[in-house]
Amino acid sequence: MILKRIGLTLALLVGLSTAGTASEPPHPPEPDGFWTGPTQGAVPATLAGGTVIGTADLAALVERGGAVLIDVAPAPRAPEGLAPGTTWTPPPHRSLPGSVWLPGVGQGELPPDVDAWFRARLAELTGGDRNRPVVLFCHPDCWISWNAAKRAILYGYTGVYWYPDGVEGWQDADMPTAVVEAELD
């Protein structure tokens, strides 16, 4: 009887200790190159050569000023099946105030012209200072921002921050957002 109670108590304790982690997906390891699989899903907890940043640290970085905030979320596409002559207007894109929206630069494989445009745009945004803090983000569990941050590191930027919680994490912390327009190459 005592052994049954001890076993039941241990089972209960083990169940309680793992209850909070059962719903959290495991973080995969960083790939050697850029991620070319599905863009939505569990992302690494790390970024070699960069800094993974949470909302509180990002807010402090924004407060200090000087950081370049780059939203790399994909641009929305017109719905399929629109009648000819129908005008479609994309919904407003909410992001962190002061951010620049560069859709398309976080894909696993970039066409050479998009790669060159992203390099040039980063140089413009940082004033050519590769040590200036650059924060890349999009949405939670999205590889696009991880790829864009990795790409910035490979371009030689040393102050790269990756914000994996994305704009939704920012909003969930009751931080302000602003509507931004996409910059396209």
N, C-alpha and C. Protein backbone atom coordinates (compact mmCIF):
# COMPACT_ATOMS: atom_id res chain seq x y z
N MET A 1 0.82 -1.19 0.00
CA MET A 1 0.00 0.00 0.00
C MET A 1 0.87 1.26 0.00
N ILE A 2 1.90 1.28 0.85
CA ILE A 2 2.79 2.44 0.91
C ILE A 2 3.52 2.60 -0.41
N LEU A 3 3.98 1.49 -1.02
CA LEU A 3 4.67 1.58 -2.30
C LEU A 3 3.74 2.11 -3.39
N LYS A 4 2.47 1.71 -3.37
CA LYS A 4 1.51 2.23 -4.34
C LYS A 4 1.36 3.73 -4.19
N ARG A 5 1.28 4.21 -2.94
CA ARG A 5 1.14 5.65 -2.69
C ARG A 5 2.38 6.41 -3.15
N ILE A 6 3.54 5.84 -2.87
CA ILE A 6 4.78 6.49 -3.31
C ILE A 6 4.82 6.55 -4.83
N GLY A 7 4.46 5.45 -5.48
CA GLY A 7 4.43 5.41 -6.94
C GLY A 7 3.44 6.41 -7.51
N LEU A 8 2.26 6.50 -6.91
CA LEU A 8 1.24 7.45 -7.36
C LEU A 8 1.73 8.88 -7.15
N THR A 9 2.35 9.14 -6.01
CA THR A 9 2.88 10.48 -5.73
C THR A 9 3.96 10.86 -6.73
N LEU A 10 4.88 9.92 -7.02
CA LEU A 10 5.92 10.19 -8.00
C LEU A 10 5.34 10.45 -9.38
N ALA A 11 4.36 9.65 -9.77
CA ALA A 11 3.73 9.84 -11.08
C ALA A 11 3.06 11.21 -11.15
N LEU A 12 2.41 11.61 -10.08
CA LEU A 12 1.76 12.92 -10.03
C LEU A 12 2.78 14.04 -10.11
N LEU A 13 3.87 13.91 -9.37
CA LEU A 13 4.92 14.93 -9.39
C LEU A 13 5.57 15.03 -10.76
N VAL A 14 5.84 13.91 -11.41
CA VAL A 14 6.43 13.93 -12.74
C VAL A 14 5.45 14.58 -13.72
N GLY A 15 4.18 14.23 -13.62
CA GLY A 15 3.18 14.83 -14.48
C GLY A 15 3.08 16.33 -14.30
N LEU A 16 3.14 16.81 -13.07
CA LEU A 16 3.08 18.25 -12.82
C LEU A 16 4.33 18.96 -13.31
N SER A 17 5.48 18.32 -13.19
CA SER A 17 6.72 19.00 -13.59
C SER A 17 6.84 19.14 -15.10
N THR A 18 6.14 18.28 -15.85
CA THR A 18 6.23 18.38 -17.31
C THR A 18 4.99 19.01 -17.92
N ALA A 19 3.98 19.33 -17.13
CA ALA A 19 2.72 19.85 -17.66
C ALA A 19 2.92 21.15 -18.42
N GLY A 20 3.80 22.01 -17.97
CA GLY A 20 4.00 23.30 -18.62
C GLY A 20 4.77 23.22 -19.92
N THR A 21 5.46 22.12 -20.16
CA THR A 21 6.29 22.03 -21.36
C THR A 21 5.66 21.19 -22.45
N ALA A 22 4.59 20.47 -22.14
CA ALA A 22 4.00 19.57 -23.12
C ALA A 22 3.48 20.32 -24.35
N SER A 23 2.96 21.53 -24.17
CA SER A 23 2.37 22.25 -25.30
C SER A 23 3.41 23.09 -26.06
N GLU A 24 4.57 23.27 -25.49
CA GLU A 24 5.59 24.07 -26.15
C GLU A 24 6.37 23.21 -27.13
N PRO A 25 6.40 23.61 -28.41
CA PRO A 25 7.16 22.79 -29.37
C PRO A 25 8.65 22.88 -29.07
N PRO A 26 9.37 21.81 -29.33
CA PRO A 26 10.82 21.86 -29.11
C PRO A 26 11.46 22.79 -30.15
N HIS A 27 12.56 23.38 -29.75
CA HIS A 27 13.29 24.24 -30.68
C HIS A 27 14.24 23.37 -31.50
N PRO A 28 14.12 23.43 -32.80
CA PRO A 28 15.05 22.66 -33.63
C PRO A 28 16.43 23.30 -33.60
N PRO A 29 17.46 22.55 -33.96
CA PRO A 29 18.80 23.15 -34.05
C PRO A 29 18.87 24.09 -35.24
N GLU A 30 19.82 24.99 -35.21
CA GLU A 30 20.03 25.89 -36.34
C GLU A 30 20.49 25.07 -37.54
N PRO A 31 19.94 25.34 -38.71
CA PRO A 31 20.47 24.67 -39.91
C PRO A 31 21.83 25.26 -40.27
N ASP A 32 22.59 24.53 -41.07
CA ASP A 32 23.90 25.03 -41.50
C ASP A 32 23.77 26.26 -42.39
N GLY A 33 22.78 26.28 -43.23
CA GLY A 33 22.56 27.41 -44.13
C GLY A 33 21.25 28.07 -43.79
N PHE A 34 20.62 28.60 -44.81
CA PHE A 34 19.31 29.22 -44.63
C PHE A 34 18.24 28.14 -44.63
N TRP A 35 17.16 28.39 -43.91
CA TRP A 35 16.05 27.46 -43.86
C TRP A 35 15.24 27.59 -45.15
N THR A 36 15.05 26.48 -45.85
CA THR A 36 14.31 26.51 -47.11
C THR A 36 13.02 25.70 -47.04
N GLY A 37 12.70 25.19 -45.86
CA GLY A 37 11.46 24.43 -45.69
C GLY A 37 10.28 25.36 -45.45
N PRO A 38 9.20 24.82 -44.89
CA PRO A 38 8.03 25.65 -44.60
C PRO A 38 8.42 26.82 -43.70
N THR A 39 7.86 27.98 -43.97
CA THR A 39 8.26 29.17 -43.21
C THR A 39 7.62 29.25 -41.84
N GLN A 40 6.53 28.55 -41.62
CA GLN A 40 5.87 28.53 -40.31
C GLN A 40 6.20 27.24 -39.59
N GLY A 41 6.52 27.36 -38.31
CA GLY A 41 6.83 26.19 -37.50
C GLY A 41 7.85 26.53 -36.44
N ALA A 42 8.17 25.55 -35.64
CA ALA A 42 9.14 25.76 -34.56
C ALA A 42 10.46 26.26 -35.13
N VAL A 43 11.01 27.27 -34.48
CA VAL A 43 12.27 27.89 -34.91
C VAL A 43 13.34 27.66 -33.85
N PRO A 44 14.61 27.82 -34.20
CA PRO A 44 15.67 27.65 -33.20
C PRO A 44 15.54 28.66 -32.06
N ALA A 45 16.14 28.35 -30.95
CA ALA A 45 16.19 29.28 -29.82
C ALA A 45 17.44 30.14 -29.91
N THR A 46 18.27 29.91 -30.92
CA THR A 46 19.55 30.60 -31.04
C THR A 46 19.74 31.16 -32.44
N LEU A 47 20.71 32.03 -32.56
CA LEU A 47 21.13 32.59 -33.85
C LEU A 47 22.63 32.83 -33.76
N ALA A 48 23.42 31.93 -34.33
CA ALA A 48 24.87 32.05 -34.27
C ALA A 48 25.32 33.39 -34.85
N GLY A 49 26.10 34.13 -34.07
CA GLY A 49 26.61 35.43 -34.52
C GLY A 49 25.69 36.59 -34.21
N GLY A 50 24.49 36.28 -33.71
CA GLY A 50 23.52 37.32 -33.37
C GLY A 50 22.98 37.13 -31.97
N THR A 51 22.05 37.98 -31.59
CA THR A 51 21.47 37.93 -30.26
C THR A 51 19.96 37.75 -30.38
N VAL A 52 19.44 36.73 -29.70
CA VAL A 52 18.00 36.53 -29.64
C VAL A 52 17.49 37.44 -28.53
N ILE A 53 16.46 38.22 -28.83
CA ILE A 53 16.00 39.25 -27.91
C ILE A 53 14.51 39.07 -27.61
N GLY A 54 14.14 39.31 -26.36
CA GLY A 54 12.74 39.26 -25.94
C GLY A 54 12.14 40.65 -25.93
N THR A 55 10.88 40.73 -25.60
CA THR A 55 10.15 42.00 -25.66
C THR A 55 10.72 43.05 -24.71
N ALA A 56 11.03 42.69 -23.48
CA ALA A 56 11.55 43.68 -22.53
C ALA A 56 12.88 44.25 -23.00
N ASP A 57 13.76 43.39 -23.49
CA ASP A 57 15.06 43.86 -23.98
C ASP A 57 14.91 44.70 -25.25
N LEU A 58 13.95 44.31 -26.11
CA LEU A 58 13.71 45.10 -27.31
C LEU A 58 13.17 46.48 -26.94
N ALA A 59 12.27 46.53 -25.99
CA ALA A 59 11.73 47.82 -25.56
C ALA A 59 12.85 48.72 -25.02
N ALA A 60 13.78 48.14 -24.27
CA ALA A 60 14.91 48.92 -23.75
C ALA A 60 15.82 49.38 -24.89
N LEU A 61 16.04 48.55 -25.87
CA LEU A 61 16.86 48.91 -27.02
C LEU A 61 16.20 50.04 -27.82
N VAL A 62 14.90 49.95 -28.00
CA VAL A 62 14.16 51.00 -28.71
C VAL A 62 14.22 52.30 -27.92
N GLU A 63 14.08 52.20 -26.62
CA GLU A 63 14.12 53.38 -25.74
C GLU A 63 15.47 54.10 -25.84
N ARG A 64 16.56 53.35 -25.94
CA ARG A 64 17.89 53.96 -26.06
C ARG A 64 18.05 54.69 -27.39
N GLY A 65 17.35 54.20 -28.41
CA GLY A 65 17.41 54.83 -29.73
C GLY A 65 18.58 54.33 -30.55
N GLY A 66 18.51 54.57 -31.84
CA GLY A 66 19.60 54.22 -32.75
C GLY A 66 19.49 52.86 -33.40
N ALA A 67 18.60 51.99 -32.90
CA ALA A 67 18.47 50.67 -33.50
C ALA A 67 17.62 50.77 -34.77
N VAL A 68 17.97 49.97 -35.76
CA VAL A 68 17.20 49.88 -36.99
C VAL A 68 16.26 48.69 -36.84
N LEU A 69 14.96 48.94 -36.95
CA LEU A 69 13.95 47.90 -36.80
C LEU A 69 13.47 47.49 -38.18
N ILE A 70 13.62 46.21 -38.50
CA ILE A 70 13.25 45.73 -39.84
C ILE A 70 12.25 44.59 -39.74
N ASP A 71 11.06 44.86 -40.21
CA ASP A 71 9.98 43.88 -40.30
C ASP A 71 10.13 43.18 -41.65
N VAL A 72 10.25 41.87 -41.63
CA VAL A 72 10.44 41.13 -42.88
C VAL A 72 9.25 40.23 -43.20
N ALA A 73 8.10 40.51 -42.59
CA ALA A 73 6.90 39.71 -42.85
C ALA A 73 6.55 39.76 -44.33
N PRO A 74 6.03 38.66 -44.85
CA PRO A 74 5.64 38.66 -46.26
C PRO A 74 4.51 39.66 -46.52
N ALA A 75 4.47 40.18 -47.71
CA ALA A 75 3.38 41.07 -48.12
C ALA A 75 2.16 40.21 -48.45
N PRO A 76 0.97 40.66 -48.08
CA PRO A 76 -0.22 39.87 -48.41
C PRO A 76 -0.47 39.84 -49.91
N ARG A 77 -1.08 38.77 -50.36
CA ARG A 77 -1.39 38.61 -51.78
C ARG A 77 -2.90 38.73 -51.98
N ALA A 78 -3.27 39.18 -53.13
CA ALA A 78 -4.68 39.28 -53.47
C ALA A 78 -5.31 37.88 -53.43
N PRO A 79 -6.52 37.78 -52.93
CA PRO A 79 -7.18 36.48 -52.88
C PRO A 79 -7.39 35.92 -54.29
N GLU A 80 -7.31 34.61 -54.39
CA GLU A 80 -7.54 33.96 -55.69
C GLU A 80 -9.02 34.06 -56.04
N GLY A 81 -9.27 34.10 -57.32
CA GLY A 81 -10.65 34.08 -57.78
C GLY A 81 -11.34 35.43 -57.81
N LEU A 82 -10.59 36.52 -57.72
CA LEU A 82 -11.22 37.83 -57.83
C LEU A 82 -11.76 38.01 -59.24
N ALA A 83 -12.91 38.60 -59.33
CA ALA A 83 -13.51 38.85 -60.63
C ALA A 83 -12.65 39.85 -61.39
N PRO A 84 -12.54 39.70 -62.70
CA PRO A 84 -11.76 40.67 -63.50
C PRO A 84 -12.26 42.09 -63.25
N GLY A 85 -11.32 43.00 -63.12
CA GLY A 85 -11.65 44.40 -62.88
C GLY A 85 -11.87 44.74 -61.42
N THR A 86 -11.84 43.72 -60.55
CA THR A 86 -12.03 43.98 -59.12
C THR A 86 -10.76 44.58 -58.53
N THR A 87 -10.93 45.64 -57.79
CA THR A 87 -9.79 46.26 -57.12
C THR A 87 -9.63 45.62 -55.75
N TRP A 88 -8.42 45.19 -55.45
CA TRP A 88 -8.12 44.62 -54.14
C TRP A 88 -7.12 45.52 -53.44
N THR A 89 -7.41 45.87 -52.21
CA THR A 89 -6.51 46.68 -51.41
C THR A 89 -6.05 45.83 -50.23
N PRO A 90 -4.74 45.67 -50.04
CA PRO A 90 -4.28 44.87 -48.91
C PRO A 90 -4.65 45.56 -47.59
N PRO A 91 -4.83 44.76 -46.55
CA PRO A 91 -5.13 45.36 -45.24
C PRO A 91 -3.92 46.14 -44.73
N PRO A 92 -4.15 47.11 -43.84
CA PRO A 92 -3.00 47.84 -43.27
C PRO A 92 -2.07 46.87 -42.53
N HIS A 93 -0.79 47.12 -42.64
CA HIS A 93 0.22 46.27 -41.98
C HIS A 93 0.70 46.98 -40.72
N ARG A 94 0.37 46.41 -39.58
CA ARG A 94 0.79 46.97 -38.30
C ARG A 94 2.14 46.39 -37.91
N SER A 95 3.01 47.26 -37.40
CA SER A 95 4.35 46.84 -37.01
C SER A 95 4.83 47.72 -35.86
N LEU A 96 6.07 47.54 -35.49
CA LEU A 96 6.64 48.38 -34.44
C LEU A 96 6.83 49.79 -34.97
N PRO A 97 6.52 50.79 -34.17
CA PRO A 97 6.71 52.17 -34.63
C PRO A 97 8.17 52.40 -35.04
N GLY A 98 8.34 53.07 -36.16
CA GLY A 98 9.68 53.39 -36.65
C GLY A 98 10.33 52.27 -37.44
N SER A 99 9.62 51.16 -37.61
CA SER A 99 10.23 50.05 -38.35
C SER A 99 10.08 50.26 -39.84
N VAL A 100 10.94 49.54 -40.57
CA VAL A 100 10.92 49.53 -42.03
C VAL A 100 10.47 48.14 -42.43
N TRP A 101 9.53 48.06 -43.36
CA TRP A 101 8.99 46.77 -43.78
C TRP A 101 9.62 46.37 -45.11
N LEU A 102 10.44 45.32 -45.06
CA LEU A 102 11.13 44.81 -46.24
C LEU A 102 10.68 43.37 -46.51
N PRO A 103 9.49 43.19 -47.10
CA PRO A 103 9.03 41.82 -47.36
C PRO A 103 9.89 41.12 -48.40
N GLY A 104 10.04 39.83 -48.22
CA GLY A 104 10.74 39.04 -49.23
C GLY A 104 12.21 38.79 -48.96
N VAL A 105 12.81 39.49 -48.00
CA VAL A 105 14.26 39.35 -47.81
C VAL A 105 14.63 38.19 -46.88
N GLY A 106 13.64 37.50 -46.34
CA GLY A 106 13.92 36.39 -45.44
C GLY A 106 13.66 35.02 -46.03
N GLN A 107 13.41 34.96 -47.31
CA GLN A 107 13.21 33.66 -47.94
C GLN A 107 14.52 32.86 -47.86
N GLY A 108 14.41 31.55 -47.92
CA GLY A 108 15.60 30.71 -47.84
C GLY A 108 16.55 30.93 -48.99
N GLU A 109 16.01 31.12 -50.16
CA GLU A 109 16.82 31.39 -51.34
C GLU A 109 16.36 32.72 -51.93
N LEU A 110 17.29 33.65 -52.08
CA LEU A 110 16.96 34.95 -52.65
C LEU A 110 17.48 35.06 -54.07
N PRO A 111 16.68 35.60 -54.96
CA PRO A 111 17.22 35.91 -56.29
C PRO A 111 18.35 36.94 -56.13
N PRO A 112 19.34 36.91 -56.99
CA PRO A 112 20.48 37.83 -56.85
C PRO A 112 20.09 39.30 -56.76
N ASP A 113 19.06 39.73 -57.50
CA ASP A 113 18.66 41.14 -57.44
C ASP A 113 18.06 41.51 -56.08
N VAL A 114 17.30 40.59 -55.47
CA VAL A 114 16.73 40.85 -54.14
C VAL A 114 17.84 40.85 -53.10
N ASP A 115 18.79 39.94 -53.22
CA ASP A 115 19.93 39.90 -52.30
C ASP A 115 20.72 41.22 -52.37
N ALA A 116 20.99 41.69 -53.57
CA ALA A 116 21.72 42.95 -53.74
C ALA A 116 20.92 44.12 -53.18
N TRP A 117 19.60 44.11 -53.39
CA TRP A 117 18.75 45.19 -52.87
C TRP A 117 18.75 45.19 -51.35
N PHE A 118 18.66 44.01 -50.72
CA PHE A 118 18.67 43.92 -49.27
C PHE A 118 20.00 44.42 -48.71
N ARG A 119 21.10 44.02 -49.32
CA ARG A 119 22.42 44.52 -48.89
C ARG A 119 22.48 46.05 -48.95
N ALA A 120 22.03 46.60 -50.07
CA ALA A 120 22.06 48.05 -50.26
C ALA A 120 21.14 48.75 -49.26
N ARG A 121 19.97 48.18 -49.04
CA ARG A 121 19.00 48.80 -48.12
C ARG A 121 19.52 48.76 -46.69
N LEU A 122 20.15 47.67 -46.28
CA LEU A 122 20.76 47.60 -44.94
C LEU A 122 21.85 48.65 -44.79
N ALA A 123 22.67 48.81 -45.81
CA ALA A 123 23.73 49.81 -45.76
C ALA A 123 23.13 51.22 -45.61
N GLU A 124 22.06 51.50 -46.34
CA GLU A 124 21.39 52.80 -46.22
C GLU A 124 20.81 53.01 -44.83
N LEU A 125 20.09 52.00 -44.34
CA LEU A 125 19.41 52.13 -43.05
C LEU A 125 20.38 52.28 -41.89
N THR A 126 21.55 51.68 -42.00
CA THR A 126 22.54 51.75 -40.92
C THR A 126 23.55 52.87 -41.13
N GLY A 127 23.41 53.61 -42.22
CA GLY A 127 24.40 54.64 -42.53
C GLY A 127 25.77 54.04 -42.77
N GLY A 128 25.81 52.78 -43.23
CA GLY A 128 27.07 52.10 -43.49
C GLY A 128 27.77 51.59 -42.24
N ASP A 129 27.15 51.74 -41.08
CA ASP A 129 27.74 51.30 -39.82
C ASP A 129 27.32 49.85 -39.54
N ARG A 130 28.21 48.91 -39.80
CA ARG A 130 27.88 47.50 -39.62
C ARG A 130 27.83 47.09 -38.15
N ASN A 131 28.18 48.01 -37.24
CA ASN A 131 28.07 47.73 -35.81
C ASN A 131 26.77 48.26 -35.22
N ARG A 132 26.02 49.02 -36.00
CA ARG A 132 24.77 49.61 -35.50
C ARG A 132 23.76 48.48 -35.22
N PRO A 133 23.02 48.57 -34.12
CA PRO A 133 22.03 47.53 -33.83
C PRO A 133 20.95 47.44 -34.91
N VAL A 134 20.71 46.22 -35.37
CA VAL A 134 19.69 45.93 -36.38
C VAL A 134 18.81 44.82 -35.81
N VAL A 135 17.52 45.09 -35.69
CA VAL A 135 16.57 44.12 -35.15
C VAL A 135 15.69 43.62 -36.29
N LEU A 136 15.66 42.30 -36.48
CA LEU A 136 14.85 41.70 -37.53
C LEU A 136 13.74 40.86 -36.89
N PHE A 137 12.55 40.99 -37.45
CA PHE A 137 11.39 40.29 -36.89
C PHE A 137 10.31 40.13 -37.95
N CYS A 138 9.34 39.28 -37.66
CA CYS A 138 8.12 39.17 -38.47
C CYS A 138 7.01 38.67 -37.56
N HIS A 139 6.74 37.37 -37.56
CA HIS A 139 5.68 36.79 -36.75
C HIS A 139 6.27 35.66 -35.90
N PRO A 140 5.57 35.25 -34.84
CA PRO A 140 6.07 34.12 -34.05
C PRO A 140 6.16 32.84 -34.89
N ASP A 141 7.11 32.00 -34.55
CA ASP A 141 7.30 30.71 -35.22
C ASP A 141 7.43 30.88 -36.73
N CYS A 142 8.22 31.85 -37.13
CA CYS A 142 8.40 32.12 -38.55
C CYS A 142 9.89 32.16 -38.86
N TRP A 143 10.28 31.34 -39.82
CA TRP A 143 11.68 31.23 -40.21
C TRP A 143 12.17 32.44 -41.02
N ILE A 144 11.25 33.21 -41.56
CA ILE A 144 11.64 34.32 -42.43
C ILE A 144 12.54 35.32 -41.70
N SER A 145 12.19 35.66 -40.47
CA SER A 145 13.02 36.62 -39.74
C SER A 145 14.35 35.99 -39.31
N TRP A 146 14.35 34.70 -39.02
CA TRP A 146 15.61 34.02 -38.68
C TRP A 146 16.54 34.06 -39.89
N ASN A 147 16.01 33.73 -41.08
CA ASN A 147 16.82 33.78 -42.29
C ASN A 147 17.35 35.19 -42.55
N ALA A 148 16.50 36.20 -42.40
CA ALA A 148 16.93 37.58 -42.66
C ALA A 148 18.02 38.00 -41.68
N ALA A 149 17.88 37.61 -40.42
CA ALA A 149 18.91 37.94 -39.42
C ALA A 149 20.22 37.23 -39.75
N LYS A 150 20.13 35.96 -40.11
CA LYS A 150 21.33 35.20 -40.49
C LYS A 150 22.00 35.85 -41.70
N ARG A 151 21.19 36.29 -42.64
CA ARG A 151 21.72 36.94 -43.85
C ARG A 151 22.47 38.23 -43.48
N ALA A 152 21.89 39.03 -42.58
CA ALA A 152 22.55 40.27 -42.15
C ALA A 152 23.90 39.96 -41.49
N ILE A 153 23.95 38.90 -40.71
CA ILE A 153 25.21 38.49 -40.07
C ILE A 153 26.24 38.12 -41.14
N LEU A 154 25.79 37.36 -42.14
CA LEU A 154 26.71 36.97 -43.21
C LEU A 154 27.16 38.17 -44.05
N TYR A 155 26.37 39.23 -44.08
CA TYR A 155 26.77 40.46 -44.77
C TYR A 155 27.81 41.24 -43.97
N GLY A 156 28.07 40.81 -42.74
CA GLY A 156 29.10 41.46 -41.93
C GLY A 156 28.58 42.35 -40.82
N TYR A 157 27.28 42.35 -40.57
CA TYR A 157 26.72 43.17 -39.48
C TYR A 157 26.96 42.46 -38.15
N THR A 158 27.42 43.21 -37.16
CA THR A 158 27.80 42.61 -35.88
C THR A 158 26.79 42.87 -34.77
N GLY A 159 25.88 43.80 -34.95
CA GLY A 159 24.89 44.12 -33.93
C GLY A 159 23.52 43.61 -34.32
N VAL A 160 23.44 42.35 -34.74
CA VAL A 160 22.18 41.78 -35.23
C VAL A 160 21.39 41.18 -34.07
N TYR A 161 20.14 41.61 -33.97
CA TYR A 161 19.21 41.09 -32.98
C TYR A 161 18.05 40.44 -33.71
N TRP A 162 17.66 39.27 -33.23
CA TRP A 162 16.50 38.58 -33.80
C TRP A 162 15.42 38.56 -32.74
N TYR A 163 14.25 39.06 -33.10
CA TYR A 163 13.09 39.11 -32.20
C TYR A 163 12.07 38.07 -32.67
N PRO A 164 12.18 36.82 -32.17
CA PRO A 164 11.32 35.75 -32.68
C PRO A 164 9.85 35.87 -32.28
N ASP A 165 9.51 36.70 -31.30
CA ASP A 165 8.12 36.85 -30.89
C ASP A 165 7.32 37.68 -31.89
N GLY A 166 8.01 38.42 -32.74
CA GLY A 166 7.37 39.17 -33.80
C GLY A 166 6.40 40.24 -33.32
N VAL A 167 5.73 40.82 -34.27
CA VAL A 167 4.82 41.93 -33.94
C VAL A 167 3.71 41.48 -33.00
N GLU A 168 3.29 40.22 -33.08
CA GLU A 168 2.26 39.74 -32.17
C GLU A 168 2.76 39.70 -30.73
N GLY A 169 4.02 39.33 -30.53
CA GLY A 169 4.60 39.36 -29.19
C GLY A 169 4.66 40.77 -28.64
N TRP A 170 4.98 41.71 -29.51
CA TRP A 170 5.03 43.13 -29.14
C TRP A 170 3.63 43.60 -28.74
N GLN A 171 2.64 43.27 -29.55
CA GLN A 171 1.25 43.66 -29.26
C GLN A 171 0.75 42.99 -27.99
N ASP A 172 1.08 41.72 -27.78
CA ASP A 172 0.63 41.00 -26.59
C ASP A 172 1.18 41.63 -25.31
N ALA A 173 2.27 42.35 -25.41
CA ALA A 173 2.86 43.04 -24.26
C ALA A 173 2.30 44.47 -24.13
N ASP A 174 1.24 44.75 -24.88
CA ASP A 174 0.59 46.08 -24.87
C ASP A 174 1.53 47.20 -25.30
N MET A 175 2.41 46.88 -26.22
CA MET A 175 3.31 47.90 -26.78
C MET A 175 2.63 48.51 -28.01
N PRO A 176 2.95 49.76 -28.32
CA PRO A 176 2.28 50.43 -29.44
C PRO A 176 2.73 49.90 -30.79
N THR A 177 1.84 50.01 -31.76
CA THR A 177 2.16 49.64 -33.13
C THR A 177 1.80 50.80 -34.05
N ALA A 178 2.26 50.71 -35.26
CA ALA A 178 1.96 51.73 -36.27
C ALA A 178 1.79 51.04 -37.61
N VAL A 179 1.04 51.67 -38.48
CA VAL A 179 0.88 51.14 -39.84
C VAL A 179 2.12 51.53 -40.64
N VAL A 180 2.70 50.54 -41.33
CA VAL A 180 3.87 50.79 -42.18
C VAL A 180 3.57 50.30 -43.59
N GLU A 181 4.25 50.89 -44.54
CA GLU A 181 4.11 50.52 -45.95
C GLU A 181 5.30 49.65 -46.37
N ALA A 182 5.03 48.69 -47.22
CA ALA A 182 6.09 47.81 -47.70
C ALA A 182 7.02 48.54 -48.64
N GLU A 183 8.30 48.26 -48.49
CA GLU A 183 9.30 48.71 -49.45
C GLU A 183 9.63 47.52 -50.31
N LEU A 184 9.50 47.67 -51.58
CA LEU A 184 9.78 46.57 -52.50
C LEU A 184 10.92 46.95 -53.40
N ASP A 185 11.74 45.97 -53.79
CA ASP A 185 12.89 46.26 -54.64
C ASP A 185 12.47 46.64 -56.03
